[in-house]
Amino acid sequence: MRHDAGSAGATAAQAAAGYAGDVSAELAFAWWQAGEAVLVDVRSDAEREWVGFVPGAVALAWKQWPGMAMNPQFDAGLQAAVPAGKKVVLLCRSGVRSIAAAKRATELGLQAYNILEGFEGDPDANAQRGHRGGWRLRGLPWRQG
């Protein structure tokens, strides 16, 4: 895993194996706002409901709660959500599931990027998220409930 806090605000993708690359939340947001990319939140429905979500993002779970079983509708949902010629930027809690989703999206023929730090970032010294990086901490748009 690469969770480099120094990448915050980076203006270029970092190389990655098996998908187009890793990008900062800020760069993903800029691409999304410019219409260059589709933002897909691969967290479970429960996570988005309880922790928060990005208004306007495509909600498409990679795995579902409870049990974190693979979403059998992921491939079809992703292909339907991402028009030809657009990038897809994938967001999860901390940037782990979104790597797996980016690899799968690449297999499906999409130009896929993982968003570093995810929605909540890495755990801090008290094992709490939301204090070390992530979409929310970076001040990007999100809502709860």
N, C-alpha and C. Protein backbone atom coordinates (compact mmCIF):
# COMPACT_ATOMS: atom_id res chain seq x y z
N MET A 1 0.85 -1.19 0.00
CA MET A 1 0.00 0.00 0.00
C MET A 1 0.88 1.24 0.00
N ARG A 2 0.45 2.23 -0.73
CA ARG A 2 1.16 3.50 -0.75
C ARG A 2 0.21 4.57 -0.24
N HIS A 3 0.42 5.00 0.96
CA HIS A 3 -0.38 6.07 1.54
C HIS A 3 0.57 7.19 1.91
N ASP A 4 1.04 7.89 0.92
CA ASP A 4 2.05 8.90 1.11
C ASP A 4 1.40 10.25 1.33
N ALA A 5 1.39 10.71 2.57
CA ALA A 5 0.77 11.99 2.87
C ALA A 5 1.42 13.11 2.07
N GLY A 6 2.65 12.91 1.67
CA GLY A 6 3.32 13.91 0.86
C GLY A 6 2.71 14.05 -0.53
N SER A 7 1.88 13.11 -0.91
CA SER A 7 1.25 13.17 -2.23
C SER A 7 0.05 14.11 -2.24
N ALA A 8 -0.37 14.57 -1.08
CA ALA A 8 -1.55 15.43 -1.02
C ALA A 8 -1.36 16.64 -1.92
N GLY A 9 -2.33 16.85 -2.75
CA GLY A 9 -2.27 17.98 -3.65
C GLY A 9 -1.42 17.75 -4.89
N ALA A 10 -0.88 16.53 -5.03
CA ALA A 10 -0.04 16.24 -6.19
C ALA A 10 -0.83 16.48 -7.47
N THR A 11 -0.12 16.95 -8.48
CA THR A 11 -0.79 17.30 -9.73
C THR A 11 -0.58 16.26 -10.81
N ALA A 12 0.04 15.14 -10.50
CA ALA A 12 0.25 14.08 -11.48
C ALA A 12 -0.02 12.73 -10.83
N ALA A 13 -0.39 11.79 -11.67
CA ALA A 13 -0.61 10.42 -11.19
C ALA A 13 0.73 9.77 -10.88
N GLN A 14 0.73 8.92 -9.87
CA GLN A 14 1.90 8.12 -9.55
C GLN A 14 1.75 6.77 -10.23
N ALA A 15 2.83 6.21 -10.72
CA ALA A 15 2.80 4.93 -11.40
C ALA A 15 2.28 3.84 -10.47
N ALA A 16 1.59 2.87 -11.05
CA ALA A 16 1.06 1.75 -10.28
C ALA A 16 1.08 0.50 -11.17
N ALA A 17 1.10 -0.65 -10.54
CA ALA A 17 1.10 -1.91 -11.27
C ALA A 17 -0.33 -2.41 -11.43
N GLY A 18 -0.75 -2.63 -12.66
CA GLY A 18 -2.05 -3.23 -12.91
C GLY A 18 -3.19 -2.26 -13.14
N TYR A 19 -2.92 -0.96 -13.07
CA TYR A 19 -3.93 0.06 -13.33
C TYR A 19 -3.21 1.36 -13.67
N ALA A 20 -3.97 2.38 -14.09
CA ALA A 20 -3.35 3.60 -14.63
C ALA A 20 -2.50 4.37 -13.64
N GLY A 21 -2.85 4.35 -12.34
CA GLY A 21 -2.02 5.03 -11.36
C GLY A 21 -2.78 5.44 -10.12
N ASP A 22 -2.03 6.04 -9.20
CA ASP A 22 -2.58 6.57 -7.94
C ASP A 22 -2.60 8.08 -8.03
N VAL A 23 -3.68 8.70 -7.55
CA VAL A 23 -3.80 10.15 -7.59
C VAL A 23 -4.23 10.68 -6.22
N SER A 24 -3.87 11.92 -5.96
CA SER A 24 -4.33 12.57 -4.73
C SER A 24 -5.82 12.82 -4.84
N ALA A 25 -6.46 13.01 -3.70
CA ALA A 25 -7.89 13.35 -3.69
C ALA A 25 -8.13 14.65 -4.43
N GLU A 26 -7.20 15.60 -4.28
CA GLU A 26 -7.37 16.89 -4.95
C GLU A 26 -7.33 16.76 -6.47
N LEU A 27 -6.42 15.94 -6.98
CA LEU A 27 -6.34 15.75 -8.42
C LEU A 27 -7.57 15.01 -8.93
N ALA A 28 -7.99 13.98 -8.22
CA ALA A 28 -9.21 13.26 -8.60
C ALA A 28 -10.40 14.21 -8.65
N PHE A 29 -10.51 15.07 -7.65
CA PHE A 29 -11.61 16.04 -7.61
C PHE A 29 -11.54 16.98 -8.81
N ALA A 30 -10.34 17.46 -9.14
CA ALA A 30 -10.17 18.37 -10.27
C ALA A 30 -10.57 17.70 -11.58
N TRP A 31 -10.14 16.45 -11.79
CA TRP A 31 -10.53 15.73 -13.00
C TRP A 31 -12.04 15.55 -13.06
N TRP A 32 -12.63 15.20 -11.93
CA TRP A 32 -14.07 14.96 -11.85
C TRP A 32 -14.83 16.25 -12.16
N GLN A 33 -14.42 17.34 -11.54
CA GLN A 33 -15.09 18.63 -11.75
C GLN A 33 -14.95 19.11 -13.19
N ALA A 34 -13.82 18.78 -13.83
CA ALA A 34 -13.58 19.19 -15.21
C ALA A 34 -14.28 18.29 -16.23
N GLY A 35 -14.92 17.23 -15.74
CA GLY A 35 -15.61 16.31 -16.63
C GLY A 35 -14.70 15.30 -17.31
N GLU A 36 -13.46 15.20 -16.84
CA GLU A 36 -12.50 14.26 -17.42
C GLU A 36 -12.63 12.86 -16.84
N ALA A 37 -13.24 12.76 -15.67
CA ALA A 37 -13.31 11.47 -14.97
C ALA A 37 -14.67 11.31 -14.29
N VAL A 38 -15.00 10.06 -14.06
CA VAL A 38 -16.17 9.70 -13.26
C VAL A 38 -15.64 9.27 -11.89
N LEU A 39 -16.22 9.82 -10.83
CA LEU A 39 -15.84 9.45 -9.47
C LEU A 39 -16.75 8.32 -9.01
N VAL A 40 -16.15 7.18 -8.67
CA VAL A 40 -16.91 6.02 -8.21
C VAL A 40 -16.47 5.68 -6.80
N ASP A 41 -17.42 5.69 -5.88
CA ASP A 41 -17.18 5.35 -4.47
C ASP A 41 -17.47 3.87 -4.32
N VAL A 42 -16.42 3.09 -4.06
CA VAL A 42 -16.56 1.63 -4.00
C VAL A 42 -16.80 1.11 -2.58
N ARG A 43 -17.01 2.01 -1.62
CA ARG A 43 -17.31 1.56 -0.26
C ARG A 43 -18.70 0.92 -0.22
N SER A 44 -18.97 0.19 0.84
CA SER A 44 -20.27 -0.45 1.00
C SER A 44 -21.35 0.60 1.23
N ASP A 45 -22.58 0.22 0.96
CA ASP A 45 -23.71 1.10 1.21
C ASP A 45 -23.72 1.55 2.68
N ALA A 46 -23.42 0.61 3.58
CA ALA A 46 -23.42 0.92 5.01
C ALA A 46 -22.38 2.00 5.34
N GLU A 47 -21.19 1.90 4.77
CA GLU A 47 -20.14 2.90 5.02
C GLU A 47 -20.58 4.28 4.56
N ARG A 48 -21.14 4.35 3.38
CA ARG A 48 -21.58 5.65 2.86
C ARG A 48 -22.68 6.22 3.73
N GLU A 49 -23.56 5.37 4.20
CA GLU A 49 -24.68 5.83 5.03
C GLU A 49 -24.20 6.31 6.40
N TRP A 50 -23.29 5.56 7.02
CA TRP A 50 -22.88 5.85 8.39
C TRP A 50 -21.75 6.87 8.48
N VAL A 51 -20.81 6.84 7.53
CA VAL A 51 -19.61 7.65 7.64
C VAL A 51 -19.69 8.93 6.82
N GLY A 52 -20.36 8.86 5.69
CA GLY A 52 -20.49 10.01 4.82
C GLY A 52 -20.26 9.62 3.37
N PHE A 53 -20.60 10.54 2.47
CA PHE A 53 -20.50 10.26 1.04
C PHE A 53 -20.17 11.53 0.29
N VAL A 54 -19.78 11.37 -0.96
CA VAL A 54 -19.47 12.49 -1.83
C VAL A 54 -20.69 12.72 -2.72
N PRO A 55 -21.36 13.86 -2.57
CA PRO A 55 -22.53 14.13 -3.41
C PRO A 55 -22.16 14.10 -4.89
N GLY A 56 -22.93 13.35 -5.66
CA GLY A 56 -22.70 13.27 -7.10
C GLY A 56 -21.80 12.13 -7.54
N ALA A 57 -21.12 11.49 -6.59
CA ALA A 57 -20.28 10.35 -6.95
C ALA A 57 -21.18 9.15 -7.26
N VAL A 58 -20.69 8.27 -8.11
CA VAL A 58 -21.40 7.03 -8.39
C VAL A 58 -21.16 6.09 -7.21
N ALA A 59 -22.22 5.62 -6.59
CA ALA A 59 -22.11 4.68 -5.47
C ALA A 59 -22.18 3.26 -6.03
N LEU A 60 -21.06 2.56 -5.98
CA LEU A 60 -20.99 1.21 -6.54
C LEU A 60 -20.04 0.38 -5.68
N ALA A 61 -20.59 -0.36 -4.75
CA ALA A 61 -19.78 -1.13 -3.81
C ALA A 61 -18.94 -2.19 -4.52
N TRP A 62 -17.68 -2.29 -4.11
CA TRP A 62 -16.80 -3.38 -4.55
C TRP A 62 -17.18 -4.63 -3.78
N LYS A 63 -17.35 -4.48 -2.47
CA LYS A 63 -17.81 -5.55 -1.58
C LYS A 63 -18.93 -4.98 -0.72
N GLN A 64 -19.85 -5.86 -0.29
CA GLN A 64 -21.00 -5.39 0.48
C GLN A 64 -20.99 -5.92 1.91
N TRP A 65 -21.47 -5.08 2.79
CA TRP A 65 -21.69 -5.42 4.19
C TRP A 65 -23.04 -6.08 4.29
N PRO A 66 -23.29 -7.06 5.17
CA PRO A 66 -22.31 -7.71 6.04
C PRO A 66 -21.54 -8.79 5.29
N GLY A 67 -20.44 -9.17 5.83
CA GLY A 67 -19.66 -10.25 5.26
C GLY A 67 -18.67 -9.83 4.19
N MET A 68 -18.80 -8.62 3.69
CA MET A 68 -17.91 -8.09 2.66
C MET A 68 -17.79 -9.05 1.47
N ALA A 69 -18.95 -9.52 1.00
CA ALA A 69 -18.99 -10.37 -0.18
C ALA A 69 -18.84 -9.51 -1.43
N MET A 70 -18.20 -10.05 -2.45
CA MET A 70 -18.04 -9.34 -3.70
C MET A 70 -19.41 -8.95 -4.27
N ASN A 71 -19.48 -7.78 -4.85
CA ASN A 71 -20.70 -7.30 -5.49
C ASN A 71 -20.76 -7.90 -6.90
N PRO A 72 -21.71 -8.80 -7.16
CA PRO A 72 -21.77 -9.42 -8.48
C PRO A 72 -22.18 -8.44 -9.59
N GLN A 73 -22.68 -7.29 -9.21
CA GLN A 73 -23.10 -6.27 -10.18
C GLN A 73 -22.01 -5.22 -10.45
N PHE A 74 -20.83 -5.40 -9.84
CA PHE A 74 -19.79 -4.38 -9.97
C PHE A 74 -19.39 -4.12 -11.42
N ASP A 75 -19.05 -5.17 -12.15
CA ASP A 75 -18.58 -4.99 -13.53
C ASP A 75 -19.60 -4.25 -14.38
N ALA A 76 -20.83 -4.74 -14.38
CA ALA A 76 -21.88 -4.12 -15.20
C ALA A 76 -22.13 -2.69 -14.75
N GLY A 77 -22.15 -2.46 -13.44
CA GLY A 77 -22.39 -1.11 -12.92
C GLY A 77 -21.29 -0.15 -13.32
N LEU A 78 -20.06 -0.61 -13.27
CA LEU A 78 -18.93 0.24 -13.63
C LEU A 78 -18.95 0.57 -15.13
N GLN A 79 -19.18 -0.44 -15.94
CA GLN A 79 -19.23 -0.21 -17.38
C GLN A 79 -20.36 0.75 -17.75
N ALA A 80 -21.47 0.68 -17.05
CA ALA A 80 -22.59 1.58 -17.32
C ALA A 80 -22.31 3.00 -16.85
N ALA A 81 -21.49 3.14 -15.81
CA ALA A 81 -21.24 4.46 -15.20
C ALA A 81 -20.17 5.28 -15.91
N VAL A 82 -19.25 4.60 -16.61
CA VAL A 82 -18.10 5.30 -17.18
C VAL A 82 -18.20 5.33 -18.71
N PRO A 83 -18.50 6.49 -19.27
CA PRO A 83 -18.59 6.60 -20.73
C PRO A 83 -17.22 6.40 -21.39
N ALA A 84 -17.25 5.98 -22.63
CA ALA A 84 -16.02 5.78 -23.40
C ALA A 84 -15.21 7.08 -23.40
N GLY A 85 -13.90 6.93 -23.23
CA GLY A 85 -13.01 8.08 -23.28
C GLY A 85 -12.83 8.82 -21.97
N LYS A 86 -13.56 8.43 -20.92
CA LYS A 86 -13.39 9.09 -19.61
C LYS A 86 -12.57 8.20 -18.69
N LYS A 87 -11.84 8.86 -17.82
CA LYS A 87 -11.11 8.16 -16.76
C LYS A 87 -12.12 7.80 -15.67
N VAL A 88 -11.74 6.85 -14.84
CA VAL A 88 -12.51 6.57 -13.64
C VAL A 88 -11.56 6.70 -12.45
N VAL A 89 -12.00 7.45 -11.43
CA VAL A 89 -11.24 7.59 -10.19
C VAL A 89 -12.04 6.88 -9.11
N LEU A 90 -11.38 5.98 -8.38
CA LEU A 90 -12.05 5.10 -7.44
C LEU A 90 -11.68 5.44 -6.01
N LEU A 91 -12.72 5.54 -5.18
CA LEU A 91 -12.58 5.96 -3.78
C LEU A 91 -13.11 4.88 -2.86
N CYS A 92 -12.33 4.54 -1.83
CA CYS A 92 -12.82 3.64 -0.78
C CYS A 92 -12.49 4.28 0.57
N ARG A 93 -12.45 3.52 1.63
CA ARG A 93 -12.19 4.09 2.96
C ARG A 93 -10.77 4.61 3.08
N SER A 94 -9.80 3.78 2.67
CA SER A 94 -8.40 4.13 2.91
C SER A 94 -7.49 3.94 1.71
N GLY A 95 -8.04 3.54 0.58
CA GLY A 95 -7.21 3.35 -0.61
C GLY A 95 -6.73 1.93 -0.80
N VAL A 96 -7.43 0.95 -0.27
CA VAL A 96 -7.06 -0.45 -0.45
C VAL A 96 -8.04 -1.15 -1.40
N ARG A 97 -9.33 -1.13 -1.06
CA ARG A 97 -10.32 -1.74 -1.96
C ARG A 97 -10.33 -1.04 -3.31
N SER A 98 -10.06 0.26 -3.30
CA SER A 98 -10.07 1.00 -4.56
C SER A 98 -8.91 0.57 -5.47
N ILE A 99 -7.83 0.05 -4.91
CA ILE A 99 -6.75 -0.51 -5.74
C ILE A 99 -7.26 -1.76 -6.44
N ALA A 100 -7.90 -2.65 -5.69
CA ALA A 100 -8.46 -3.86 -6.29
C ALA A 100 -9.50 -3.51 -7.36
N ALA A 101 -10.33 -2.52 -7.07
CA ALA A 101 -11.35 -2.10 -8.02
C ALA A 101 -10.71 -1.48 -9.26
N ALA A 102 -9.62 -0.73 -9.08
CA ALA A 102 -8.92 -0.12 -10.22
C ALA A 102 -8.31 -1.20 -11.11
N LYS A 103 -7.78 -2.24 -10.49
CA LYS A 103 -7.22 -3.34 -11.28
C LYS A 103 -8.33 -4.02 -12.09
N ARG A 104 -9.48 -4.23 -11.46
CA ARG A 104 -10.61 -4.85 -12.18
C ARG A 104 -11.11 -3.93 -13.29
N ALA A 105 -11.21 -2.65 -13.01
CA ALA A 105 -11.66 -1.69 -14.03
C ALA A 105 -10.71 -1.71 -15.22
N THR A 106 -9.42 -1.83 -14.96
CA THR A 106 -8.43 -1.89 -16.02
C THR A 106 -8.65 -3.14 -16.87
N GLU A 107 -8.93 -4.27 -16.21
CA GLU A 107 -9.23 -5.51 -16.94
C GLU A 107 -10.45 -5.34 -17.84
N LEU A 108 -11.37 -4.47 -17.43
CA LEU A 108 -12.58 -4.21 -18.21
C LEU A 108 -12.34 -3.18 -19.31
N GLY A 109 -11.10 -2.70 -19.43
CA GLY A 109 -10.75 -1.79 -20.50
C GLY A 109 -10.85 -0.31 -20.16
N LEU A 110 -10.99 0.02 -18.87
CA LEU A 110 -11.11 1.41 -18.45
C LEU A 110 -9.76 1.97 -18.01
N GLN A 111 -9.61 3.29 -18.10
CA GLN A 111 -8.43 3.99 -17.59
C GLN A 111 -8.74 4.32 -16.14
N ALA A 112 -8.24 3.51 -15.22
CA ALA A 112 -8.66 3.56 -13.82
C ALA A 112 -7.56 4.02 -12.89
N TYR A 113 -7.95 4.88 -11.94
CA TYR A 113 -7.03 5.44 -10.95
C TYR A 113 -7.56 5.21 -9.54
N ASN A 114 -6.65 4.88 -8.64
CA ASN A 114 -6.94 4.78 -7.22
C ASN A 114 -6.73 6.14 -6.57
N ILE A 115 -7.65 6.54 -5.69
CA ILE A 115 -7.49 7.79 -4.95
C ILE A 115 -6.74 7.48 -3.65
N LEU A 116 -5.53 8.02 -3.54
CA LEU A 116 -4.71 7.82 -2.35
C LEU A 116 -5.43 8.32 -1.09
N GLU A 117 -5.24 7.61 -0.01
CA GLU A 117 -5.77 7.96 1.33
C GLU A 117 -7.25 7.67 1.47
N GLY A 118 -7.98 7.45 0.38
CA GLY A 118 -9.40 7.12 0.47
C GLY A 118 -10.24 8.24 1.07
N PHE A 119 -11.40 7.89 1.56
CA PHE A 119 -12.34 8.85 2.12
C PHE A 119 -11.93 9.27 3.53
N GLU A 120 -11.44 8.29 4.32
CA GLU A 120 -11.15 8.54 5.74
C GLU A 120 -9.68 8.63 6.10
N GLY A 121 -8.79 8.20 5.21
CA GLY A 121 -7.37 8.22 5.51
C GLY A 121 -6.92 7.06 6.37
N ASP A 122 -5.66 7.09 6.75
CA ASP A 122 -5.07 6.03 7.56
C ASP A 122 -5.40 6.22 9.03
N PRO A 123 -5.35 5.14 9.82
CA PRO A 123 -5.57 5.27 11.26
C PRO A 123 -4.43 6.06 11.92
N ASP A 124 -4.77 6.82 12.96
CA ASP A 124 -3.76 7.55 13.72
C ASP A 124 -3.23 6.67 14.85
N ALA A 125 -2.48 7.24 15.78
CA ALA A 125 -1.89 6.48 16.88
C ALA A 125 -2.95 5.84 17.77
N ASN A 126 -4.17 6.37 17.76
CA ASN A 126 -5.27 5.81 18.55
C ASN A 126 -6.16 4.90 17.72
N ALA A 127 -5.69 4.51 16.53
CA ALA A 127 -6.43 3.63 15.61
C ALA A 127 -7.74 4.26 15.14
N GLN A 128 -7.77 5.59 15.08
CA GLN A 128 -8.95 6.30 14.60
C GLN A 128 -8.65 6.90 13.23
N ARG A 129 -9.61 6.80 12.35
CA ARG A 129 -9.46 7.38 11.01
C ARG A 129 -10.04 8.79 11.00
N GLY A 130 -9.69 9.53 9.96
CA GLY A 130 -10.22 10.88 9.80
C GLY A 130 -9.27 11.98 10.26
N HIS A 131 -8.09 11.58 10.77
CA HIS A 131 -7.11 12.56 11.25
C HIS A 131 -5.82 12.55 10.44
N ARG A 132 -5.64 11.51 9.60
CA ARG A 132 -4.41 11.36 8.81
C ARG A 132 -4.78 11.18 7.34
N GLY A 133 -5.03 12.26 6.67
CA GLY A 133 -5.32 12.21 5.25
C GLY A 133 -6.75 11.84 4.94
N GLY A 134 -7.02 11.71 3.67
CA GLY A 134 -8.35 11.32 3.22
C GLY A 134 -9.14 12.46 2.61
N TRP A 135 -10.14 12.09 1.82
CA TRP A 135 -11.01 13.03 1.12
C TRP A 135 -11.59 14.07 2.07
N ARG A 136 -12.17 13.60 3.20
CA ARG A 136 -12.80 14.52 4.16
C ARG A 136 -11.81 15.51 4.74
N LEU A 137 -10.68 14.99 5.22
CA LEU A 137 -9.68 15.85 5.87
C LEU A 137 -9.11 16.87 4.90
N ARG A 138 -9.07 16.54 3.64
CA ARG A 138 -8.54 17.45 2.63
C ARG A 138 -9.53 18.57 2.29
N GLY A 139 -10.71 18.55 2.90
CA GLY A 139 -11.67 19.62 2.73
C GLY A 139 -12.47 19.55 1.44
N LEU A 140 -12.54 18.37 0.84
CA LEU A 140 -13.30 18.20 -0.39
C LEU A 140 -14.77 17.95 -0.05
N PRO A 141 -15.67 18.16 -1.00
CA PRO A 141 -17.11 18.05 -0.70
C PRO A 141 -17.53 16.66 -0.20
N TRP A 142 -18.32 16.65 0.86
CA TRP A 142 -18.91 15.42 1.37
C TRP A 142 -20.09 15.76 2.25
N ARG A 143 -20.93 14.79 2.45
CA ARG A 143 -22.09 14.96 3.32
C ARG A 143 -22.27 13.72 4.17
N GLN A 144 -23.03 13.87 5.23
CA GLN A 144 -23.32 12.73 6.09
C GLN A 144 -24.82 12.62 6.24
N GLY A 145 -25.30 11.37 6.21
CA GLY A 145 -26.72 11.09 6.43
C GLY A 145 -27.55 11.48 5.29
